[in-house]
PDB file of N, CA and C in Angstrom:
ATOM      1  N   UNK A   1     -70.984 -45.735 169.315  1.00  0.00           N
ATOM      2  CA  UNK A   1     -72.121 -45.235 170.065  1.00  0.00           C
ATOM      3  C   UNK A   1     -71.673 -44.262 171.225  1.00  0.00           C
ATOM      4  N   UNK A   2     -70.537 -44.642 171.739  1.00  0.00           N
ATOM      5  CA  UNK A   2     -69.997 -43.746 172.829  1.00  0.00           C
ATOM      6  C   UNK A   2     -69.680 -42.312 172.334  1.00  0.00           C
ATOM      7  N   UNK A   3     -69.221 -42.131 171.128  1.00  0.00           N
ATOM      8  CA  UNK A   3     -69.010 -40.800 170.560  1.00  0.00           C
ATOM      9  C   UNK A   3     -70.377 -40.140 170.413  1.00  0.00           C
ATOM     10  N   UNK A   4     -71.391 -40.769 169.948  1.00  0.00           N
ATOM     11  CA  UNK A   4     -72.618 -40.123 169.735  1.00  0.00           C
ATOM     12  C   UNK A   4     -73.290 -39.749 171.054  1.00  0.00           C
ATOM     13  N   UNK A   5     -73.162 -40.740 172.074  1.00  0.00           N
ATOM     14  CA  UNK A   5     -73.700 -40.369 173.439  1.00  0.00           C
ATOM     15  C   UNK A   5     -73.061 -39.163 174.063  1.00  0.00           C
ATOM     16  N   UNK A   6     -71.711 -39.130 173.881  1.00  0.00           N
ATOM     17  CA  UNK A   6     -71.007 -37.902 174.437  1.00  0.00           C
ATOM     18  C   UNK A   6     -71.412 -36.574 173.756  1.00  0.00           C
ATOM     19  N   UNK A   7     -71.551 -36.654 172.503  1.00  0.00           N
ATOM     20  CA  UNK A   7     -71.947 -35.482 171.721  1.00  0.00           C
ATOM     21  C   UNK A   7     -73.402 -35.018 172.136  1.00  0.00           C
ATOM     22  N   UNK A   8     -74.369 -36.051 172.259  1.00  0.00           N
ATOM     23  CA  UNK A   8     -75.627 -35.634 172.629  1.00  0.00           C
ATOM     24  C   UNK A   8     -75.781 -35.245 174.105  1.00  0.00           C
ATOM     25  N   UNK A   9     -75.001 -35.778 175.018  1.00  0.00           N
ATOM     26  CA  UNK A   9     -74.845 -35.342 176.419  1.00  0.00           C
ATOM     27  C   UNK A   9     -74.430 -33.917 176.407  1.00  0.00           C
ATOM     28  N   UNK A  10     -73.355 -33.582 175.777  1.00  0.00           N
ATOM     29  CA  UNK A  10     -72.813 -32.133 175.745  1.00  0.00           C
ATOM     30  C   UNK A  10     -73.763 -31.250 175.085  1.00  0.00           C
ATOM     31  N   UNK A  11     -74.476 -31.668 174.026  1.00  0.00           N
ATOM     32  CA  UNK A  11     -75.524 -30.749 173.328  1.00  0.00           C
ATOM     33  C   UNK A  11     -76.626 -30.507 174.221  1.00  0.00           C
ATOM     34  N   UNK A  12     -77.082 -31.533 174.943  1.00  0.00           N
ATOM     35  CA  UNK A  12     -78.206 -31.399 175.939  1.00  0.00           C
ATOM     36  C   UNK A  12     -77.853 -30.202 176.936  1.00  0.00           C
ATOM     37  N   UNK A  13     -76.621 -30.191 177.452  1.00  0.00           N
ATOM     38  CA  UNK A  13     -76.219 -29.149 178.466  1.00  0.00           C
ATOM     39  C   UNK A  13     -76.074 -27.883 177.764  1.00  0.00           C
ATOM     40  N   UNK A  14     -75.711 -27.825 176.490  1.00  0.00           N
ATOM     41  CA  UNK A  14     -75.611 -26.521 175.740  1.00  0.00           C
ATOM     42  C   UNK A  14     -77.022 -25.956 175.546  1.00  0.00           C
ATOM     43  N   UNK A  15     -77.872 -26.806 175.293  1.00  0.00           N
ATOM     44  CA  UNK A  15     -79.362 -26.332 175.152  1.00  0.00           C
ATOM     45  C   UNK A  15     -79.877 -25.841 176.466  1.00  0.00           C
ATOM     46  N   UNK A  16     -79.589 -26.598 177.572  1.00  0.00           N
ATOM     47  CA  UNK A  16     -80.038 -26.072 178.804  1.00  0.00           C
ATOM     48  C   UNK A  16     -79.381 -24.741 179.204  1.00  0.00           C
ATOM     49  N   UNK A  17     -78.146 -24.589 178.900  1.00  0.00           N
ATOM     50  CA  UNK A  17     -77.477 -23.300 179.156  1.00  0.00           C
ATOM     51  C   UNK A  17     -78.138 -22.197 178.392  1.00  0.00           C
ATOM     52  N   UNK A  18     -78.496 -22.548 177.104  1.00  0.00           N
ATOM     53  CA  UNK A  18     -79.131 -21.526 176.252  1.00  0.00           C
ATOM     54  C   UNK A  18     -80.437 -21.224 176.735  1.00  0.00           C
ATOM     55  N   UNK A  19     -81.118 -22.114 177.328  1.00  0.00           N
ATOM     56  CA  UNK A  19     -82.523 -21.834 177.911  1.00  0.00           C
ATOM     57  C   UNK A  19     -82.556 -20.822 179.014  1.00  0.00           C
ATOM     58  N   UNK A  20     -81.328 -20.622 179.675  1.00  0.00           N
ATOM     59  CA  UNK A  20     -81.279 -19.712 180.824  1.00  0.00           C
ATOM     60  C   UNK A  20     -81.427 -18.246 180.339  1.00  0.00           C
ATOM     61  N   UNK A  21     -80.915 -17.959 179.109  1.00  0.00           N
ATOM     62  CA  UNK A  21     -81.050 -16.617 178.531  1.00  0.00           C
ATOM     63  C   UNK A  21     -81.279 -16.831 177.058  1.00  0.00           C
ATOM     64  N   UNK A  22     -82.473 -17.254 176.730  1.00  0.00           N
ATOM     65  CA  UNK A  22     -82.834 -17.595 175.407  1.00  0.00           C
ATOM     66  C   UNK A  22     -82.696 -16.514 174.272  1.00  0.00           C
ATOM     67  N   UNK A  23     -82.990 -15.289 174.696  1.00  0.00           N
ATOM     68  CA  UNK A  23     -82.851 -14.188 173.730  1.00  0.00           C
ATOM     69  C   UNK A  23     -81.444 -13.905 173.359  1.00  0.00           C
ATOM     70  N   UNK A  24     -80.487 -13.909 174.414  1.00  0.00           N
ATOM     71  CA  UNK A  24     -79.124 -13.615 174.117  1.00  0.00           C
ATOM     72  C   UNK A  24     -78.427 -14.744 173.434  1.00  0.00           C
ATOM     73  N   UNK A  25     -78.882 -15.955 173.725  1.00  0.00           N
ATOM     74  CA  UNK A  25     -78.153 -17.218 173.205  1.00  0.00           C
ATOM     75  C   UNK A  25     -79.037 -17.807 172.092  1.00  0.00           C
ATOM     76  N   UNK A  26     -79.719 -17.017 171.296  1.00  0.00           N
ATOM     77  CA  UNK A  26     -80.567 -17.594 170.295  1.00  0.00           C
ATOM     78  C   UNK A  26     -79.859 -18.245 169.164  1.00  0.00           C
ATOM     79  N   UNK A  27     -78.569 -17.973 168.915  1.00  0.00           N
ATOM     80  CA  UNK A  27     -77.816 -18.625 167.882  1.00  0.00           C
ATOM     81  C   UNK A  27     -77.629 -20.149 168.070  1.00  0.00           C
ATOM     82  N   UNK A  28     -77.866 -20.463 169.359  1.00  0.00           N
ATOM     83  CA  UNK A  28     -77.782 -21.976 169.580  1.00  0.00           C
ATOM     84  C   UNK A  28     -78.866 -22.728 168.922  1.00  0.00           C
ATOM     85  N   UNK A  29     -80.011 -22.058 168.772  1.00  0.00           N
ATOM     86  CA  UNK A  29     -81.074 -22.711 167.908  1.00  0.00           C
ATOM     87  C   UNK A  29     -80.753 -22.964 166.584  1.00  0.00           C
ATOM     88  N   UNK A  30     -80.137 -22.076 165.924  1.00  0.00           N
ATOM     89  CA  UNK A  30     -79.673 -22.195 164.568  1.00  0.00           C
ATOM     90  C   UNK A  30     -78.596 -23.261 164.424  1.00  0.00           C
ATOM     91  N   UNK A  31     -77.639 -23.338 165.396  1.00  0.00           N
ATOM     92  CA  UNK A  31     -76.653 -24.426 165.404  1.00  0.00           C
ATOM     93  C   UNK A  31     -77.234 -25.750 165.698  1.00  0.00           C
ATOM     94  N   UNK A  32     -78.436 -25.788 166.332  1.00  0.00           N
ATOM     95  CA  UNK A  32     -79.173 -27.032 166.545  1.00  0.00           C
ATOM     96  C   UNK A  32     -79.889 -27.438 165.259  1.00  0.00           C
ATOM     97  N   UNK A  33     -80.512 -26.446 164.651  1.00  0.00           N
ATOM     98  CA  UNK A  33     -81.353 -26.802 163.460  1.00  0.00           C
ATOM     99  C   UNK A  33     -80.578 -27.257 162.220  1.00  0.00           C
ATOM    100  N   UNK A  34     -79.450 -26.536 161.935  1.00  0.00           N
ATOM    101  CA  UNK A  34     -78.728 -26.819 160.709  1.00  0.00           C
ATOM    102  C   UNK A  34     -77.593 -27.894 160.846  1.00  0.00           C
ATOM    103  N   UNK A  35     -76.507 -27.528 161.473  1.00  0.00           N
ATOM    104  CA  UNK A  35     -75.457 -28.556 161.443  1.00  0.00           C
ATOM    105  C   UNK A  35     -75.865 -29.828 162.092  1.00  0.00           C
ATOM    106  N   UNK A  36     -76.611 -29.759 163.294  1.00  0.00           N
ATOM    107  CA  UNK A  36     -76.864 -30.968 163.964  1.00  0.00           C
ATOM    108  C   UNK A  36     -77.956 -31.803 163.445  1.00  0.00           C
ATOM    109  N   UNK A  37     -79.274 -31.222 163.513  1.00  0.00           N
ATOM    110  CA  UNK A  37     -80.351 -31.925 162.963  1.00  0.00           C
ATOM    111  C   UNK A  37     -80.275 -32.281 161.573  1.00  0.00           C
ATOM    112  N   UNK A  38     -79.822 -31.349 160.649  1.00  0.00           N
ATOM    113  CA  UNK A  38     -79.683 -31.648 159.360  1.00  0.00           C
ATOM    114  C   UNK A  38     -78.657 -32.811 159.077  1.00  0.00           C
ATOM    115  N   UNK A  39     -77.591 -32.742 159.804  1.00  0.00           N
ATOM    116  CA  UNK A  39     -76.587 -33.826 159.768  1.00  0.00           C
ATOM    117  C   UNK A  39     -77.197 -35.198 160.143  1.00  0.00           C
ATOM    118  N   UNK A  40     -78.003 -35.238 161.136  1.00  0.00           N
ATOM    119  CA  UNK A  40     -78.755 -36.453 161.555  1.00  0.00           C
ATOM    120  C   UNK A  40     -79.648 -36.947 160.360  1.00  0.00           C
ATOM    121  N   UNK A  41     -80.297 -36.073 159.740  1.00  0.00           N
ATOM    122  CA  UNK A  41     -81.161 -36.449 158.605  1.00  0.00           C
ATOM    123  C   UNK A  41     -80.352 -37.045 157.496  1.00  0.00           C
ATOM    124  N   UNK A  42     -79.298 -36.297 157.165  1.00  0.00           N
ATOM    125  CA  UNK A  42     -78.436 -36.880 156.016  1.00  0.00           C
ATOM    126  C   UNK A  42     -77.822 -38.237 156.334  1.00  0.00           C
ATOM    127  N   UNK A  43     -77.401 -38.382 157.696  1.00  0.00           N
ATOM    128  CA  UNK A  43     -76.755 -39.670 157.997  1.00  0.00           C
ATOM    129  C   UNK A  43     -77.791 -40.746 157.900  1.00  0.00           C
ATOM    130  N   UNK A  44     -79.054 -40.481 158.468  1.00  0.00           N
ATOM    131  CA  UNK A  44     -80.080 -41.504 158.384  1.00  0.00           C
ATOM    132  C   UNK A  44     -80.520 -41.820 156.944  1.00  0.00           C
ATOM    133  N   UNK A  45     -80.534 -40.870 156.125  1.00  0.00           N
ATOM    134  CA  UNK A  45     -80.918 -41.172 154.705  1.00  0.00           C
ATOM    135  C   UNK A  45     -79.829 -42.044 154.058  1.00  0.00           C
ATOM    136  N   UNK A  46     -78.596 -41.727 154.392  1.00  0.00           N
ATOM    137  CA  UNK A  46     -77.540 -42.607 153.769  1.00  0.00           C
ATOM    138  C   UNK A  46     -77.563 -44.103 154.357  1.00  0.00           C
ATOM    139  N   UNK A  47     -77.946 -44.177 155.621  1.00  0.00           N
ATOM    140  CA  UNK A  47     -77.912 -45.508 156.241  1.00  0.00           C
ATOM    141  C   UNK A  47     -79.093 -46.280 155.961  1.00  0.00           C
ATOM    142  N   UNK A  48     -80.320 -45.727 156.087  1.00  0.00           N
ATOM    143  CA  UNK A  48     -81.578 -46.467 155.947  1.00  0.00           C
ATOM    144  C   UNK A  48     -82.596 -45.601 155.322  1.00  0.00           C
ATOM    145  N   UNK A  49     -82.572 -45.340 154.017  1.00  0.00           N
ATOM    146  CA  UNK A  49     -83.567 -44.353 153.367  1.00  0.00           C
ATOM    147  C   UNK A  49     -85.041 -44.761 153.578  1.00  0.00           C
ATOM    148  N   UNK A  50     -85.329 -46.040 153.687  1.00  0.00           N
ATOM    149  CA  UNK A  50     -86.719 -46.455 153.784  1.00  0.00           C
ATOM    150  C   UNK A  50     -87.321 -46.048 155.180  1.00  0.00           C
ATOM    151  N   UNK A  51     -86.499 -46.259 156.178  1.00  0.00           N
ATOM    152  CA  UNK A  51     -86.921 -45.965 157.541  1.00  0.00           C
ATOM    153  C   UNK A  51     -86.982 -44.422 157.678  1.00  0.00           C
ATOM    154  N   UNK A  52     -85.974 -43.694 157.104  1.00  0.00           N
ATOM    155  CA  UNK A  52     -85.906 -42.232 157.273  1.00  0.00           C
ATOM    156  C   UNK A  52     -87.055 -41.556 156.554  1.00  0.00           C
ATOM    157  N   UNK A  53     -87.563 -42.024 155.577  1.00  0.00           N
ATOM    158  CA  UNK A  53     -88.619 -41.410 154.790  1.00  0.00           C
ATOM    159  C   UNK A  53     -90.070 -41.720 155.461  1.00  0.00           C
ATOM    160  N   UNK A  54     -90.085 -42.306 156.614  1.00  0.00           N
ATOM    161  CA  UNK A  54     -91.301 -42.508 157.296  1.00  0.00           C
ATOM    162  C   UNK A  54     -91.551 -41.323 158.217  1.00  0.00           C
ATOM    163  N   UNK A  55     -92.264 -41.523 159.182  1.00  0.00           N
ATOM    164  CA  UNK A  55     -92.781 -40.411 160.100  1.00  0.00           C
ATOM    165  C   UNK A  55     -91.600 -39.793 160.847  1.00  0.00           C
ATOM    166  N   UNK A  56     -90.443 -40.467 160.934  1.00  0.00           N
ATOM    167  CA  UNK A  56     -89.236 -39.913 161.658  1.00  0.00           C
ATOM    168  C   UNK A  56     -88.766 -38.604 161.013  1.00  0.00           C
ATOM    169  N   UNK A  57     -88.732 -38.566 159.704  1.00  0.00           N
ATOM    170  CA  UNK A  57     -88.231 -37.378 159.006  1.00  0.00           C
ATOM    171  C   UNK A  57     -89.234 -36.234 159.263  1.00  0.00           C
ATOM    172  N   UNK A  58     -90.532 -36.484 159.362  1.00  0.00           N
ATOM    173  CA  UNK A  58     -91.466 -35.441 159.577  1.00  0.00           C
ATOM    174  C   UNK A  58     -91.200 -34.828 161.026  1.00  0.00           C
ATOM    175  N   UNK A  59     -90.913 -35.688 161.951  1.00  0.00           N
ATOM    176  CA  UNK A  59     -90.641 -35.199 163.322  1.00  0.00           C
ATOM    177  C   UNK A  59     -89.401 -34.348 163.322  1.00  0.00           C
ATOM    178  N   UNK A  60     -88.378 -34.739 162.546  1.00  0.00           N
ATOM    179  CA  UNK A  60     -87.122 -33.940 162.544  1.00  0.00           C
ATOM    180  C   UNK A  60     -87.471 -32.632 161.848  1.00  0.00           C
ATOM    181  N   UNK A  61     -88.160 -32.615 160.825  1.00  0.00           N
ATOM    182  CA  UNK A  61     -88.476 -31.342 160.107  1.00  0.00           C
ATOM    183  C   UNK A  61     -89.288 -30.383 161.057  1.00  0.00           C
ATOM    184  N   UNK A  62     -90.126 -30.888 161.835  1.00  0.00           N
ATOM    185  CA  UNK A  62     -90.818 -30.128 162.835  1.00  0.00           C
ATOM    186  C   UNK A  62     -89.918 -29.518 163.817  1.00  0.00           C
ATOM    187  N   UNK A  63     -88.862 -30.275 164.265  1.00  0.00           N
ATOM    188  CA  UNK A  63     -87.914 -29.696 165.241  1.00  0.00           C
ATOM    189  C   UNK A  63     -87.117 -28.575 164.547  1.00  0.00           C
ATOM    190  N   UNK A  64     -86.732 -28.631 163.271  1.00  0.00           N
ATOM    191  CA  UNK A  64     -86.057 -27.567 162.498  1.00  0.00           C
ATOM    192  C   UNK A  64     -86.994 -26.368 162.507  1.00  0.00           C
ATOM    193  N   UNK A  65     -88.216 -26.513 162.110  1.00  0.00           N
ATOM    194  CA  UNK A  65     -89.114 -25.415 162.024  1.00  0.00           C
ATOM    195  C   UNK A  65     -89.311 -24.681 163.440  1.00  0.00           C
ATOM    196  N   UNK A  66     -89.428 -25.541 164.437  1.00  0.00           N
ATOM    197  CA  UNK A  66     -89.577 -24.911 165.888  1.00  0.00           C
ATOM    198  C   UNK A  66     -88.304 -24.143 166.193  1.00  0.00           C
ATOM    199  N   UNK A  67     -87.129 -24.691 165.932  1.00  0.00           N
ATOM    200  CA  UNK A  67     -85.891 -23.947 166.101  1.00  0.00           C
ATOM    201  C   UNK A  67     -85.887 -22.536 165.394  1.00  0.00           C
ATOM    202  N   UNK A  68     -86.222 -22.580 164.059  1.00  0.00           N
ATOM    203  CA  UNK A  68     -86.214 -21.361 163.293  1.00  0.00           C
ATOM    204  C   UNK A  68     -87.184 -20.379 163.889  1.00  0.00           C
ATOM    205  N   UNK A  69     -88.457 -20.875 164.126  1.00  0.00           N
ATOM    206  CA  UNK A  69     -89.444 -19.933 164.754  1.00  0.00           C
ATOM    207  C   UNK A  69     -88.941 -19.373 166.092  1.00  0.00           C
ATOM    208  N   UNK A  70     -88.343 -20.205 166.890  1.00  0.00           N
ATOM    209  CA  UNK A  70     -87.798 -19.744 168.230  1.00  0.00           C
ATOM    210  C   UNK A  70     -86.783 -18.652 168.015  1.00  0.00           C
ATOM    211  N   UNK A  71     -85.885 -18.846 167.012  1.00  0.00           N
ATOM    212  CA  UNK A  71     -84.822 -17.929 166.709  1.00  0.00           C
ATOM    213  C   UNK A  71     -85.479 -16.562 166.285  1.00  0.00           C
ATOM    214  N   UNK A  72     -86.410 -16.704 165.403  1.00  0.00           N
ATOM    215  CA  UNK A  72     -87.064 -15.483 164.927  1.00  0.00           C
ATOM    216  C   UNK A  72     -87.753 -14.709 165.955  1.00  0.00           C
ATOM    217  N   UNK A  73     -88.482 -15.372 166.850  1.00  0.00           N
ATOM    218  CA  UNK A  73     -89.148 -14.746 167.948  1.00  0.00           C
ATOM    219  C   UNK A  73     -88.149 -14.090 168.811  1.00  0.00           C
ATOM    220  N   UNK A  74     -87.080 -14.804 169.171  1.00  0.00           N
ATOM    221  CA  UNK A  74     -86.043 -14.178 169.981  1.00  0.00           C
ATOM    222  C   UNK A  74     -85.348 -13.025 169.403  1.00  0.00           C
ATOM    223  N   UNK A  75     -85.135 -13.029 168.073  1.00  0.00           N
ATOM    224  CA  UNK A  75     -84.596 -11.867 167.437  1.00  0.00           C
ATOM    225  C   UNK A  75     -85.504 -10.670 167.442  1.00  0.00           C
ATOM    226  N   UNK A  76     -86.862 -10.928 167.313  1.00  0.00           N
ATOM    227  CA  UNK A  76     -87.821  -9.860 167.395  1.00  0.00           C
ATOM    228  C   UNK A  76     -87.916  -9.274 168.809  1.00  0.00           C
ATOM    229  N   UNK A  77     -87.811 -10.073 169.836  1.00  0.00           N
ATOM    230  CA  UNK A  77     -87.838  -9.625 171.186  1.00  0.00           C
ATOM    231  C   UNK A  77     -86.558  -8.798 171.449  1.00  0.00           C
ATOM    232  N   UNK A  78     -85.375  -9.281 170.963  1.00  0.00           N
ATOM    233  CA  UNK A  78     -84.172  -8.570 171.151  1.00  0.00           C
ATOM    234  C   UNK A  78     -84.182  -7.131 170.478  1.00  0.00           C
ATOM    235  N   UNK A  79     -84.713  -7.073 169.308  1.00  0.00           N
ATOM    236  CA  UNK A  79     -84.839  -5.754 168.634  1.00  0.00           C
ATOM    237  C   UNK A  79     -85.796  -4.903 169.342  1.00  0.00           C
ATOM    238  N   UNK A  80     -86.926  -5.340 169.850  1.00  0.00           N
ATOM    239  CA  UNK A  80     -87.786  -4.579 170.593  1.00  0.00           C
ATOM    240  C   UNK A  80     -87.258  -3.963 171.838  1.00  0.00           C
ATOM    241  N   UNK A  81     -86.469  -4.846 172.576  1.00  0.00           N
ATOM    242  CA  UNK A  81     -85.781  -4.468 173.853  1.00  0.00           C
ATOM    243  C   UNK A  81     -84.733  -3.424 173.577  1.00  0.00           C
ATOM    244  N   UNK A  82     -84.003  -3.553 172.474  1.00  0.00           N
ATOM    245  CA  UNK A  82     -82.873  -2.628 172.193  1.00  0.00           C
ATOM    246  C   UNK A  82     -83.539  -1.255 171.711  1.00  0.00           C
ATOM    247  N   UNK A  83     -84.674  -1.270 171.185  1.00  0.00           N
ATOM    248  CA  UNK A  83     -85.330   0.019 170.768  1.00  0.00           C
ATOM    249  C   UNK A  83     -85.823   0.807 171.938  1.00  0.00           C
ATOM    250  N   UNK A  84     -86.110   0.180 173.061  1.00  0.00           N
ATOM    251  CA  UNK A  84     -86.644   0.843 174.235  1.00  0.00           C
ATOM    252  C   UNK A  84     -85.629   1.570 175.091  1.00  0.00           C
TER     253      UNK A  84
END
C-alpha cells in the first residue's frame, strides 16, 4: 500500500502541475487515461472481477473519456493558437 500511496501522491502533483498550463501539457491526460487508469482496471479485473464489473468500472471509463476529450479540446485550442 505504501508503493501505491506514493505513486498516487506523485501523480496528483503531476496532474496539478499539468493544470497550470493545460494546453501545453495535454499529454499528461493521455498518460493518465491509458497506462494509469487502464492499468487500474486490468488489476482490479484480475483481483476481483465481480466487484470490478459493477458501477466502479463505469466510473473509470467515464474518467478515460473525460481525459480523451480534454486532450482533444486542448489539441484543438493549440492548433487554433498556432494558426493566429
